[in-house]
N, C-alpha and C. Protein backbone atom coordinates (compact mmCIF):
# COMPACT_ATOMS: atom_id res chain seq x y z
N MET A 1 23.05 -22.89 12.50
CA MET A 1 22.66 -24.06 13.12
C MET A 1 21.06 -24.24 12.89
N ASP A 2 21.04 -25.40 12.95
CA ASP A 2 19.62 -26.03 12.11
C ASP A 2 18.39 -26.55 13.51
N ALA A 3 17.87 -25.09 13.90
CA ALA A 3 17.55 -24.77 14.61
C ALA A 3 15.77 -25.06 14.96
N ASP A 4 14.70 -25.35 15.98
CA ASP A 4 13.31 -25.40 15.75
C ASP A 4 12.99 -24.27 16.10
N VAL A 5 13.50 -23.28 16.68
CA VAL A 5 13.05 -22.15 17.68
C VAL A 5 14.66 -20.71 17.43
N GLU A 6 14.10 -20.14 17.20
CA GLU A 6 15.19 -18.88 16.92
C GLU A 6 14.72 -17.74 18.02
N PHE A 7 15.20 -17.43 18.97
CA PHE A 7 14.87 -16.63 19.71
C PHE A 7 16.13 -15.42 20.05
N PHE A 8 15.42 -14.21 19.58
CA PHE A 8 16.00 -12.82 19.63
C PHE A 8 16.17 -12.22 20.72
N TRP A 9 17.07 -11.99 21.90
CA TRP A 9 17.19 -11.46 22.96
C TRP A 9 18.08 -10.37 23.50
N ASP A 10 17.61 -9.37 24.22
CA ASP A 10 18.73 -8.90 25.19
C ASP A 10 18.67 -8.73 26.66
N PRO A 11 19.54 -9.01 27.11
CA PRO A 11 19.70 -9.43 28.16
C PRO A 11 19.04 -8.60 29.21
N VAL A 12 18.75 -7.38 29.06
CA VAL A 12 18.73 -6.63 30.23
C VAL A 12 16.59 -6.39 30.17
N CYS A 13 16.11 -6.91 28.77
CA CYS A 13 14.57 -7.13 29.09
C CYS A 13 13.92 -7.83 29.61
N PRO A 14 13.48 -7.40 30.95
CA PRO A 14 12.60 -8.15 31.73
C PRO A 14 11.36 -9.37 30.95
N TRP A 15 11.16 -8.66 29.86
CA TRP A 15 10.10 -9.83 29.71
C TRP A 15 10.64 -11.15 28.49
N ALA A 16 11.76 -10.14 27.98
CA ALA A 16 12.19 -11.65 27.14
C ALA A 16 12.95 -12.48 27.69
N TRP A 17 13.38 -11.84 29.22
CA TRP A 17 13.94 -13.18 30.14
C TRP A 17 12.87 -13.99 30.63
N LEU A 18 11.66 -13.36 30.94
CA LEU A 18 10.58 -14.65 31.55
C LEU A 18 10.28 -15.50 30.22
N THR A 19 9.99 -14.99 28.76
CA THR A 19 9.71 -15.57 28.27
C THR A 19 10.77 -16.78 27.71
N SER A 20 12.27 -16.14 27.67
CA SER A 20 13.56 -17.36 27.87
C SER A 20 13.09 -18.79 28.70
N ARG A 21 13.14 -18.23 29.74
CA ARG A 21 12.94 -19.26 30.85
C ARG A 21 12.01 -20.46 30.48
N TRP A 22 10.89 -19.81 29.97
CA TRP A 22 9.70 -20.73 29.34
C TRP A 22 10.50 -21.72 28.63
N VAL A 23 10.76 -20.74 27.44
CA VAL A 23 11.31 -21.66 26.10
C VAL A 23 12.45 -22.54 26.44
N ALA A 24 13.13 -22.06 27.71
CA ALA A 24 14.22 -22.82 28.09
C ALA A 24 13.63 -24.26 28.74
N LEU A 25 12.73 -24.32 29.69
CA LEU A 25 12.17 -25.02 29.97
C LEU A 25 11.47 -26.22 28.84
N VAL A 26 10.49 -25.52 27.75
CA VAL A 26 10.48 -26.48 26.91
C VAL A 26 11.13 -27.41 26.13
N ALA A 27 12.17 -26.42 26.17
CA ALA A 27 13.14 -27.36 25.11
C ALA A 27 13.83 -28.44 26.03
N ARG A 28 14.17 -28.33 27.13
CA ARG A 28 14.51 -29.94 28.02
C ARG A 28 13.48 -30.27 27.87
N GLN A 29 12.55 -30.02 27.88
CA GLN A 29 10.57 -31.22 28.00
C GLN A 29 10.67 -31.62 26.76
N ARG A 30 10.84 -31.16 25.60
CA ARG A 30 10.91 -31.65 24.17
C ARG A 30 11.85 -31.85 23.26
N ASP A 31 13.27 -31.50 24.08
CA ASP A 31 14.29 -31.92 22.86
C ASP A 31 14.43 -30.85 21.76
N LEU A 32 13.60 -29.88 22.33
CA LEU A 32 13.59 -28.73 21.15
C LEU A 32 15.17 -28.07 20.99
N ARG A 33 15.89 -27.53 19.39
CA ARG A 33 16.80 -27.01 19.44
C ARG A 33 16.59 -25.40 19.46
N VAL A 34 17.27 -25.00 19.83
CA VAL A 34 17.02 -23.53 20.52
C VAL A 34 18.61 -22.68 20.10
N ASP A 35 18.61 -21.55 18.66
CA ASP A 35 19.07 -20.52 18.44
C ASP A 35 19.12 -19.38 19.10
N TRP A 36 19.65 -19.14 20.57
CA TRP A 36 19.76 -18.05 20.75
C TRP A 36 20.35 -16.86 20.26
N ARG A 37 19.79 -15.90 19.29
CA ARG A 37 20.83 -14.88 18.62
C ARG A 37 20.22 -13.27 19.34
N PHE A 38 20.36 -12.04 18.54
CA PHE A 38 20.78 -11.07 19.16
C PHE A 38 19.39 -10.08 18.72
N ILE A 39 19.17 -9.39 19.51
CA ILE A 39 18.58 -8.46 18.89
C ILE A 39 18.81 -7.27 20.07
N SER A 40 19.68 -5.83 20.11
CA SER A 40 19.98 -4.90 20.71
C SER A 40 18.80 -4.05 20.90
N LEU A 41 18.45 -3.70 21.72
CA LEU A 41 17.21 -2.77 22.32
C LEU A 41 18.37 -1.45 21.87
N ARG A 42 19.49 -1.22 22.60
CA ARG A 42 20.18 0.35 22.38
C ARG A 42 20.15 0.42 20.75
N LEU A 43 20.73 -0.34 19.86
CA LEU A 43 20.56 -0.02 18.30
C LEU A 43 19.09 -0.30 18.05
N LEU A 44 18.16 -0.76 18.36
CA LEU A 44 16.37 -0.71 18.45
C LEU A 44 16.39 0.25 18.13
N ASN A 45 16.63 1.42 19.35
CA ASN A 45 16.15 2.16 19.24
C ASN A 45 16.96 3.49 19.29
N GLU A 46 18.19 3.52 18.07
CA GLU A 46 19.46 4.40 18.26
C GLU A 46 19.00 5.49 17.25
N HIS A 47 17.77 5.84 16.75
CA HIS A 47 17.39 6.78 16.03
C HIS A 47 16.48 7.79 16.85
N ARG A 48 16.20 7.06 18.49
CA ARG A 48 15.13 8.04 19.20
C ARG A 48 16.24 8.55 19.96
N ASP A 49 15.47 9.77 20.64
CA ASP A 49 16.43 10.91 21.59
C ASP A 49 16.18 10.07 22.88
N TYR A 50 17.40 9.63 23.34
CA TYR A 50 17.27 8.70 24.67
C TYR A 50 16.77 10.13 25.92
N ALA A 51 17.03 11.04 25.81
CA ALA A 51 17.07 12.52 26.42
C ALA A 51 15.43 12.91 26.76
N THR A 52 15.32 12.66 25.55
CA THR A 52 13.54 13.25 26.17
C THR A 52 12.32 12.01 25.98
N GLU A 53 12.60 10.63 25.32
CA GLU A 53 11.68 9.78 24.94
C GLU A 53 12.28 8.83 26.00
N PHE A 54 12.90 8.70 26.58
CA PHE A 54 13.09 7.76 27.97
C PHE A 54 13.45 8.44 29.05
N PRO A 55 13.18 7.27 29.88
CA PRO A 55 13.33 8.07 31.61
C PRO A 55 14.72 7.91 31.55
N ALA A 56 15.18 8.69 32.81
CA ALA A 56 16.80 8.58 33.13
C ALA A 56 17.39 7.13 33.24
N GLY A 57 18.23 7.13 32.86
CA GLY A 57 19.28 5.94 33.09
C GLY A 57 18.96 5.04 31.97
N TYR A 58 18.22 5.22 30.98
CA TYR A 58 17.87 4.26 30.29
C TYR A 58 19.07 4.00 29.24
N PRO A 59 19.86 5.05 29.02
CA PRO A 59 21.28 5.23 27.72
C PRO A 59 22.12 4.02 28.65
N GLU A 60 22.09 3.95 29.99
CA GLU A 60 23.25 3.11 30.41
C GLU A 60 22.35 1.59 30.92
N VAL A 61 21.01 1.52 31.31
CA VAL A 61 20.71 0.19 31.08
C VAL A 61 20.48 -0.44 29.46
N HIS A 62 20.50 0.31 28.45
CA HIS A 62 20.11 -0.36 27.30
C HIS A 62 21.48 -0.72 27.13
N GLY A 63 22.59 0.52 26.93
CA GLY A 63 23.77 0.92 26.76
C GLY A 63 24.67 -0.57 27.08
N THR A 64 24.40 -0.84 28.79
CA THR A 64 24.67 -2.41 29.51
C THR A 64 23.98 -3.83 28.30
N GLY A 65 23.24 -3.60 27.76
CA GLY A 65 22.95 -4.86 27.18
C GLY A 65 23.38 -5.15 25.98
N LEU A 66 23.91 -4.11 25.43
CA LEU A 66 24.37 -3.78 24.05
C LEU A 66 25.96 -4.37 24.44
N LYS A 67 26.78 -4.04 25.64
CA LYS A 67 28.28 -4.37 25.67
C LYS A 67 28.09 -5.82 25.65
N LEU A 68 26.89 -6.28 27.02
CA LEU A 68 27.17 -7.58 27.13
C LEU A 68 26.87 -8.45 26.12
N LEU A 69 26.03 -8.17 24.77
CA LEU A 69 26.12 -8.51 23.69
C LEU A 69 27.13 -8.40 22.83
N ARG A 70 27.77 -7.35 22.51
CA ARG A 70 29.29 -7.42 21.99
C ARG A 70 29.82 -8.38 22.65
N VAL A 71 29.71 -8.67 24.13
CA VAL A 71 30.37 -9.92 24.54
C VAL A 71 30.04 -11.43 23.96
N ALA A 72 29.18 -11.39 24.06
CA ALA A 72 28.16 -12.27 23.47
C ALA A 72 28.63 -12.68 21.92
N ALA A 73 28.73 -12.03 21.34
CA ALA A 73 29.00 -11.84 19.61
C ALA A 73 30.41 -12.27 19.54
N ALA A 74 31.33 -11.73 20.51
CA ALA A 74 32.39 -12.28 20.38
C ALA A 74 33.35 -13.69 20.06
N ILE A 75 32.25 -13.98 21.46
CA ILE A 75 32.38 -15.49 21.45
C ILE A 75 31.64 -16.74 20.80
N ARG A 76 30.75 -15.88 20.37
CA ARG A 76 29.93 -16.50 19.27
C ARG A 76 30.91 -16.92 17.43
N GLU A 77 31.75 -15.48 17.75
CA GLU A 77 32.80 -15.43 16.40
C GLU A 77 33.58 -16.35 16.79
N VAL A 78 33.96 -16.84 17.44
CA VAL A 78 35.39 -17.99 17.90
C VAL A 78 34.87 -19.17 18.19
N GLU A 79 33.96 -18.96 19.12
CA GLU A 79 33.00 -20.70 19.33
C GLU A 79 32.00 -21.03 18.56
N GLY A 80 31.53 -20.19 18.26
CA GLY A 80 30.23 -20.64 17.49
C GLY A 80 28.84 -20.58 18.67
N PRO A 81 27.89 -20.86 18.04
CA PRO A 81 26.70 -20.42 19.18
C PRO A 81 26.59 -21.61 20.24
N ALA A 82 27.15 -22.33 20.49
CA ALA A 82 26.39 -23.24 21.63
C ALA A 82 26.80 -23.05 23.01
N ARG A 83 27.47 -21.73 23.14
CA ARG A 83 27.54 -20.98 24.31
C ARG A 83 26.44 -19.87 24.57
N MET A 84 25.88 -19.39 24.02
CA MET A 84 24.50 -18.58 24.26
C MET A 84 23.53 -18.57 24.62
N GLY A 85 23.09 -20.02 24.81
CA GLY A 85 22.03 -20.16 25.98
C GLY A 85 22.51 -19.88 27.16
N GLU A 86 23.87 -20.83 27.59
CA GLU A 86 24.16 -20.40 28.63
C GLU A 86 24.53 -18.98 29.45
N LEU A 87 25.28 -18.27 28.14
CA LEU A 87 25.25 -17.11 28.85
C LEU A 87 24.34 -16.05 28.62
N TYR A 88 22.96 -15.95 27.93
CA TYR A 88 21.83 -15.57 28.67
C TYR A 88 21.30 -15.65 29.67
N THR A 89 21.31 -17.24 30.04
CA THR A 89 20.88 -17.84 31.76
C THR A 89 21.91 -16.73 32.68
N THR A 90 23.23 -17.20 32.43
CA THR A 90 24.00 -16.09 33.49
C THR A 90 23.97 -14.70 33.41
N PHE A 91 23.67 -13.91 32.14
CA PHE A 91 23.61 -12.29 32.55
C PHE A 91 22.23 -11.84 32.94
N GLY A 92 21.23 -13.12 32.35
CA GLY A 92 20.01 -12.21 32.60
C GLY A 92 19.47 -12.48 33.99
N GLY A 93 20.34 -13.88 34.01
CA GLY A 93 19.78 -14.20 35.67
C GLY A 93 20.27 -13.63 36.88
N ASP A 94 21.66 -12.65 36.55
CA ASP A 94 22.63 -11.52 37.46
C ASP A 94 21.49 -10.62 37.27
N ILE A 95 20.95 -10.11 36.38
CA ILE A 95 20.27 -8.95 36.08
C ILE A 95 19.21 -8.88 36.56
N HIS A 96 18.35 -9.60 36.39
CA HIS A 96 16.86 -9.81 37.14
C HIS A 96 16.27 -10.75 38.25
N VAL A 97 17.32 -11.35 38.32
CA VAL A 97 16.99 -12.18 40.04
C VAL A 97 18.31 -12.30 41.08
N ARG A 98 19.68 -12.16 40.36
CA ARG A 98 20.75 -12.27 41.77
C ARG A 98 21.21 -10.90 41.72
N ARG A 99 20.48 -9.80 41.45
CA ARG A 99 20.52 -8.32 41.92
C ARG A 99 22.10 -7.77 41.91
N ARG A 100 22.55 -8.56 40.42
CA ARG A 100 23.67 -7.77 40.07
C ARG A 100 24.14 -6.45 38.96
N ARG A 101 22.46 -6.19 38.80
CA ARG A 101 22.18 -5.10 37.65
C ARG A 101 22.85 -3.47 38.29
N LYS A 102 22.90 -3.42 39.54
CA LYS A 102 23.85 -2.08 40.12
C LYS A 102 24.88 -2.00 39.89
N GLU A 103 25.50 -3.47 40.11
CA GLU A 103 27.18 -4.14 39.99
C GLU A 103 27.44 -3.48 38.50
N LEU A 104 26.44 -3.68 37.61
CA LEU A 104 27.03 -3.96 36.29
C LEU A 104 26.43 -2.05 36.19
N LEU A 105 25.71 -1.42 35.89
CA LEU A 105 25.99 -0.33 35.94
C LEU A 105 26.49 0.92 36.61
N GLU A 106 27.02 0.25 37.43
CA GLU A 106 28.24 1.21 38.00
C GLU A 106 29.47 0.99 37.70
N ALA A 107 29.67 0.07 36.62
CA ALA A 107 30.75 -0.16 36.01
C ALA A 107 30.64 -0.45 34.80
N TYR A 108 29.71 0.81 34.01
CA TYR A 108 29.66 0.67 33.05
C TYR A 108 30.27 1.18 31.69
N GLU A 109 30.65 2.36 32.01
CA GLU A 109 31.93 2.80 31.33
C GLU A 109 32.95 2.21 31.00
N ALA A 110 33.33 1.15 32.05
CA ALA A 110 34.81 0.37 32.17
C ALA A 110 34.50 -0.83 30.54
N GLY A 111 33.29 -0.89 30.71
CA GLY A 111 32.95 -2.39 30.46
C GLY A 111 32.72 -3.54 31.19
N PHE A 112 32.37 -3.25 32.43
CA PHE A 112 32.43 -4.21 33.74
C PHE A 112 33.50 -5.77 33.73
N PRO A 113 34.77 -5.10 33.19
CA PRO A 113 35.83 -6.69 33.47
C PRO A 113 35.52 -7.29 34.35
N ASP A 114 35.36 -6.63 35.65
CA ASP A 114 35.17 -7.56 37.01
C ASP A 114 34.32 -8.68 37.03
N TYR A 115 32.89 -7.74 36.20
CA TYR A 115 32.08 -9.02 36.65
C TYR A 115 31.75 -10.34 35.32
N LEU A 116 32.52 -9.44 34.39
CA LEU A 116 32.84 -10.68 33.21
C LEU A 116 33.81 -12.00 33.47
N ARG A 117 34.76 -11.09 34.43
CA ARG A 117 35.57 -12.19 34.82
C ARG A 117 35.07 -13.30 36.02
N SER A 118 34.11 -12.54 36.94
CA SER A 118 33.26 -13.28 37.87
C SER A 118 32.79 -14.44 36.96
N VAL A 119 31.91 -14.05 36.35
CA VAL A 119 31.33 -15.09 35.36
C VAL A 119 31.79 -15.96 34.26
N GLY A 120 32.77 -16.00 34.73
CA GLY A 120 33.88 -16.94 33.87
C GLY A 120 34.30 -16.46 32.39
N ILE A 121 33.86 -15.46 31.96
CA ILE A 121 34.38 -15.16 30.81
C ILE A 121 35.75 -14.86 30.50
N GLU A 122 36.24 -15.26 29.67
CA GLU A 122 37.91 -15.37 29.48
C GLU A 122 38.63 -14.06 28.68
N GLU A 123 39.53 -14.13 29.26
CA GLU A 123 40.52 -12.52 29.55
C GLU A 123 40.41 -12.08 28.04
N ARG A 124 40.04 -12.52 26.89
CA ARG A 124 40.33 -12.70 25.44
C ARG A 124 39.24 -11.93 25.02
N TYR A 125 38.61 -11.95 25.37
CA TYR A 125 36.61 -11.71 25.55
C TYR A 125 36.42 -10.34 25.98
N LEU A 126 37.08 -9.86 27.13
CA LEU A 126 36.86 -9.20 27.99
C LEU A 126 36.43 -7.57 27.02
N GLY A 127 37.51 -7.35 26.36
CA GLY A 127 37.58 -5.91 25.38
C GLY A 127 36.42 -5.21 24.70
N ALA A 128 35.81 -6.86 24.27
CA ALA A 128 34.91 -6.62 23.43
C ALA A 128 33.34 -5.92 24.10
N ALA A 129 33.43 -5.47 24.85
CA ALA A 129 32.35 -4.79 25.98
C ALA A 129 32.50 -3.55 25.37
N ASN A 130 33.75 -2.90 25.59
CA ASN A 130 33.52 -1.87 24.54
C ASN A 130 33.95 -1.12 23.31
N ASP A 131 33.78 -2.45 22.53
CA ASP A 131 34.52 -2.72 21.26
C ASP A 131 33.02 -2.43 20.48
N ASP A 132 32.94 -1.39 19.87
CA ASP A 132 31.76 -1.25 18.75
C ASP A 132 32.19 -1.69 17.25
N ALA A 133 33.15 -2.38 17.05
CA ALA A 133 33.02 -2.82 15.74
C ALA A 133 32.59 -4.26 15.81
N TYR A 134 31.92 -4.52 17.00
CA TYR A 134 30.94 -5.59 16.88
C TYR A 134 29.31 -5.30 16.57
N ASP A 135 29.18 -3.62 16.38
CA ASP A 135 27.62 -3.35 16.40
C ASP A 135 27.52 -3.34 15.16
N ASP A 136 28.06 -3.74 13.91
CA ASP A 136 27.40 -3.96 12.41
C ASP A 136 26.96 -5.35 12.39
N LEU A 137 27.78 -6.36 13.23
CA LEU A 137 27.34 -7.57 13.26
C LEU A 137 25.27 -7.63 14.23
N LEU A 138 25.34 -6.99 15.41
CA LEU A 138 24.62 -6.97 15.89
C LEU A 138 23.52 -6.15 15.26
N ARG A 139 23.86 -5.17 14.68
CA ARG A 139 22.76 -4.19 13.62
C ARG A 139 22.11 -5.58 12.63
N ALA A 140 23.20 -5.91 12.24
CA ALA A 140 22.38 -6.79 10.62
C ALA A 140 21.38 -7.83 11.92
N GLU A 141 21.88 -8.20 12.65
CA GLU A 141 21.31 -9.11 13.66
C GLU A 141 19.54 -8.76 13.49
N LYS A 142 19.91 -7.35 14.38
CA LYS A 142 18.52 -6.61 14.94
C LYS A 142 18.11 -6.92 13.38
N ASP A 143 18.34 -6.31 12.52
CA ASP A 143 17.40 -6.08 10.95
C ASP A 143 17.10 -7.35 10.52
N GLU A 144 17.83 -8.09 10.85
CA GLU A 144 16.90 -9.64 10.54
C GLU A 144 15.50 -9.93 10.88
N ALA A 145 15.81 -9.79 12.68
CA ALA A 145 14.70 -10.01 13.28
C ALA A 145 13.53 -9.01 12.85
N LEU A 146 14.10 -7.98 12.89
CA LEU A 146 12.58 -6.72 12.01
C LEU A 146 12.32 -7.26 10.55
N ARG A 147 13.23 -7.68 9.79
CA ARG A 147 12.35 -7.91 8.28
C ARG A 147 11.81 -9.04 7.93
N ARG A 148 11.66 -10.27 9.85
CA ARG A 148 10.63 -11.31 9.62
C ARG A 148 9.46 -10.77 10.68
N THR A 149 9.67 -9.73 11.21
CA THR A 149 7.90 -9.47 11.78
C THR A 149 7.72 -7.98 10.99
N GLY A 150 8.67 -6.79 10.70
CA GLY A 150 8.33 -5.72 10.23
C GLY A 150 8.40 -5.04 11.91
N LYS A 151 8.34 -3.50 11.50
CA LYS A 151 8.78 -2.83 12.62
C LYS A 151 8.17 -2.54 13.39
N ASP A 152 7.94 -1.57 14.35
CA ASP A 152 7.52 -1.07 15.85
C ASP A 152 7.42 -2.44 16.28
N VAL A 153 8.42 -3.19 16.84
CA VAL A 153 8.14 -4.44 17.69
C VAL A 153 9.43 -4.47 18.98
N GLY A 154 9.34 -5.17 19.69
CA GLY A 154 10.65 -5.16 21.07
C GLY A 154 11.03 -6.27 20.99
N THR A 155 11.56 -6.60 22.29
CA THR A 155 11.92 -8.07 22.08
C THR A 155 11.18 -8.50 23.37
N PRO A 156 10.81 -10.35 23.74
CA PRO A 156 11.53 -10.93 22.27
C PRO A 156 11.31 -10.89 21.13
N ILE A 157 11.59 -11.26 20.43
CA ILE A 157 11.33 -12.45 18.97
C ILE A 157 11.79 -13.29 18.76
N LEU A 158 10.43 -14.18 18.32
CA LEU A 158 10.65 -15.59 18.46
C LEU A 158 10.55 -15.79 17.10
N SER A 159 11.18 -16.72 16.13
CA SER A 159 10.92 -17.43 14.92
C SER A 159 10.67 -18.99 14.82
N PHE A 160 9.54 -19.69 14.73
CA PHE A 160 9.22 -20.85 14.53
C PHE A 160 8.98 -21.39 13.09
N ARG A 161 9.77 -22.90 12.93
CA ARG A 161 9.71 -23.43 11.71
C ARG A 161 8.91 -24.77 11.76
N ARG A 162 8.00 -25.06 10.79
CA ARG A 162 7.45 -26.09 10.53
C ARG A 162 6.91 -25.93 9.25
N ASP A 163 7.38 -27.85 8.67
CA ASP A 163 7.05 -27.85 7.82
C ASP A 163 7.63 -27.12 6.18
N GLY A 164 8.78 -26.74 6.86
CA GLY A 164 9.52 -25.79 6.06
C GLY A 164 9.53 -24.21 5.74
N ILE A 165 8.52 -24.05 6.84
CA ILE A 165 7.47 -22.52 6.52
C ILE A 165 8.19 -22.16 7.93
N GLU A 166 8.99 -20.72 7.76
CA GLU A 166 9.28 -20.00 8.88
C GLU A 166 8.43 -18.59 9.46
N GLN A 167 8.13 -18.71 10.45
CA GLN A 167 7.07 -18.03 11.22
C GLN A 167 7.39 -17.18 12.00
N SER A 168 7.39 -15.76 12.35
CA SER A 168 8.05 -14.88 13.45
C SER A 168 7.29 -13.72 13.86
N PHE A 169 7.34 -13.96 15.34
CA PHE A 169 6.41 -12.84 15.91
C PHE A 169 7.34 -12.19 17.17
N PHE A 170 6.52 -10.95 17.13
CA PHE A 170 7.35 -10.65 19.16
C PHE A 170 6.54 -10.97 19.55
N GLY A 171 7.11 -11.59 21.31
CA GLY A 171 6.69 -12.26 21.74
C GLY A 171 6.39 -14.33 22.05
N PRO A 172 5.62 -14.31 22.03
CA PRO A 172 5.03 -13.94 23.46
C PRO A 172 5.26 -13.56 24.74
N VAL A 173 4.77 -12.42 25.39
CA VAL A 173 5.49 -11.77 26.69
C VAL A 173 4.51 -12.38 27.63
N ILE A 174 4.98 -12.44 28.30
CA ILE A 174 4.56 -13.41 29.54
C ILE A 174 4.74 -12.90 30.47
N SER A 175 4.23 -12.81 32.35
CA SER A 175 4.56 -12.21 33.31
C SER A 175 5.15 -13.19 34.49
N GLU A 176 4.91 -14.23 34.01
CA GLU A 176 5.58 -15.28 35.04
C GLU A 176 6.13 -16.65 33.98
N VAL A 177 7.04 -16.87 34.64
CA VAL A 177 7.31 -18.43 34.02
C VAL A 177 6.12 -19.10 34.50
N PRO A 178 5.79 -20.03 33.40
CA PRO A 178 4.68 -21.26 33.60
C PRO A 178 5.29 -22.41 34.84
N PRO A 179 4.37 -23.15 35.35
CA PRO A 179 4.88 -24.25 36.05
C PRO A 179 5.26 -25.37 35.14
N PRO A 180 6.02 -26.28 35.90
CA PRO A 180 6.56 -27.18 34.11
C PRO A 180 5.40 -27.86 33.59
N GLU A 181 4.20 -28.35 34.93
CA GLU A 181 3.18 -28.97 34.19
C GLU A 181 2.43 -28.44 32.94
N ARG A 182 2.46 -27.02 33.13
CA ARG A 182 1.64 -26.14 32.33
C ARG A 182 2.44 -25.65 31.32
N ALA A 183 4.13 -25.52 31.03
CA ALA A 183 4.73 -25.21 30.07
C ALA A 183 4.70 -25.66 28.73
N GLY A 184 4.77 -26.61 28.64
CA GLY A 184 4.30 -27.31 27.58
C GLY A 184 3.01 -27.37 27.08
N VAL A 185 2.10 -27.40 27.87
CA VAL A 185 0.59 -27.39 27.34
C VAL A 185 0.72 -25.20 26.62
N LEU A 186 0.99 -24.62 27.03
CA LEU A 186 1.07 -23.21 26.63
C LEU A 186 1.52 -23.11 25.28
N TRP A 187 3.36 -24.12 25.49
CA TRP A 187 3.92 -24.07 23.97
C TRP A 187 3.25 -24.62 22.83
N ASP A 188 2.26 -25.34 23.36
CA ASP A 188 1.65 -26.41 22.40
C ASP A 188 0.99 -25.16 21.28
N ALA A 189 -0.01 -24.07 22.69
CA ALA A 189 -1.13 -23.53 22.17
C ALA A 189 -0.19 -22.56 20.97
N MET A 190 0.99 -22.10 21.74
CA MET A 190 1.42 -20.88 20.66
C MET A 190 1.90 -21.43 19.64
N TRP A 191 2.19 -23.07 19.42
CA TRP A 191 2.82 -23.81 18.37
C TRP A 191 2.17 -23.33 17.32
N GLU A 192 0.69 -24.14 17.74
CA GLU A 192 -0.29 -23.97 16.97
C GLU A 192 -0.71 -22.27 16.08
N LEU A 193 -0.52 -21.80 16.84
CA LEU A 193 -1.19 -20.03 16.36
C LEU A 193 0.31 -19.71 15.22
N ALA A 194 1.23 -19.67 16.09
CA ALA A 194 2.55 -19.33 15.42
C ALA A 194 2.80 -19.86 14.12
N THR A 195 2.56 -21.17 13.96
CA THR A 195 2.69 -21.81 12.71
C THR A 195 2.02 -21.84 11.68
N TYR A 196 0.88 -21.65 12.43
CA TYR A 196 -0.42 -21.58 11.18
C TYR A 196 0.08 -20.37 10.00
N PRO A 197 -0.20 -20.85 9.03
CA PRO A 197 0.28 -19.48 7.70
C PRO A 197 -0.45 -18.00 7.94
N GLY A 198 -1.77 -18.28 8.07
CA GLY A 198 -2.53 -17.10 8.32
C GLY A 198 -2.74 -16.53 9.42
N PHE A 199 -2.04 -16.89 10.51
CA PHE A 199 -2.47 -15.84 12.02
C PHE A 199 -1.37 -14.58 11.87
N ALA A 200 -2.02 -13.59 12.11
CA ALA A 200 -1.22 -12.58 11.73
C ALA A 200 -0.67 -11.87 13.36
N GLU A 201 -1.64 -11.74 14.49
CA GLU A 201 -1.31 -10.79 15.55
C GLU A 201 -2.48 -11.34 16.89
N LEU A 202 -1.38 -11.14 18.00
CA LEU A 202 -2.83 -11.15 19.30
C LEU A 202 -2.38 -10.44 20.11
N LYS A 203 -2.81 -9.50 20.69
CA LYS A 203 -2.06 -8.30 21.63
C LYS A 203 -3.13 -7.71 22.58
N ARG A 204 -3.11 -7.17 23.70
CA ARG A 204 -3.18 -6.21 24.90
C ARG A 204 -2.64 -5.72 24.95
N SER A 205 -3.08 -4.28 25.53
CA SER A 205 -2.09 -3.40 26.52
C SER A 205 -1.82 -3.62 27.78
N LEU A 206 -2.57 -4.55 28.64
CA LEU A 206 -2.61 -4.56 29.80
C LEU A 206 -1.87 -6.17 30.23
N ARG A 207 -0.69 -5.61 31.58
CA ARG A 207 0.35 -6.86 31.55
C ARG A 207 -0.04 -6.39 32.89
N ASP A 208 0.46 -7.58 33.87
CA ASP A 208 0.88 -8.00 35.50
C ASP A 208 2.26 -7.54 35.60
N GLU A 209 2.83 -7.16 36.30
CA GLU A 209 4.23 -6.85 36.87
C GLU A 209 4.72 -8.12 36.73
N PRO A 210 5.86 -8.17 35.85
CA PRO A 210 6.78 -9.14 36.02
C PRO A 210 7.39 -9.96 37.31
N LYS A 211 7.40 -11.10 37.03
CA LYS A 211 7.24 -11.62 38.47
C LYS A 211 8.80 -12.37 38.26
N LEU A 212 10.11 -11.86 38.45
CA LEU A 212 11.02 -12.08 38.01
C LEU A 212 12.17 -13.26 39.28
N ALA A 213 11.57 -12.70 40.59
CA ALA A 213 12.19 -13.40 41.86
C ALA A 213 12.10 -14.87 41.92
N THR A 214 11.09 -15.72 40.69
CA THR A 214 11.04 -16.89 41.00
C THR A 214 11.88 -17.64 39.67
N SER A 215 12.50 -16.67 38.98
CA SER A 215 12.16 -17.18 37.27
C SER A 215 13.41 -18.20 37.22
N LEU A 216 14.38 -18.15 38.13
CA LEU A 216 15.19 -18.92 38.15
C LEU A 216 14.82 -20.58 38.92
N ASP A 217 13.89 -20.66 39.37
CA ASP A 217 13.27 -21.73 40.42
C ASP A 217 13.56 -22.80 39.64
């Protein structure tokens, strides 16, 4: 896919979700082509001990993201990337806005077939949720994202292309989706930074709580 921006996503990450809604908004305003690619937090952290390094419940949360990405990977394998943005909007909206996260976690072991049917996923793709054969592809996609940014990053990861040069970064991390009249202003600022060959990093550790309730407005 010939894209202006590549966005590496995991549906369970609230920060990636907020950034994705901003990117999707700007893509509509500016007619940008976005390639929605995969980065599984479960595979990103597979070398870590979930029992001691994460709060209780994280294996199921990150595992839910992995299973949803397996389904997305199965669809992309057959149909190409066109549905990926729509799938992310559905999965992320249900998890972060429409309060269906508990429903998915309760059906985690089974691979949530009833949920997948309810959002229009075809029967031939339902088994992919519990099929670890897709993990090699997802691992390779994760490795590709880290090859571009370096290690010790999370989600989202964005790749920007300008004048034949590709630059990739973790972030931007935002706590709310900017209003439509500010979305392009923020994009222009980020675009200039991200596509400047000498730009390396801009970061702080302080964050507001993610404002998820209105992220689909």
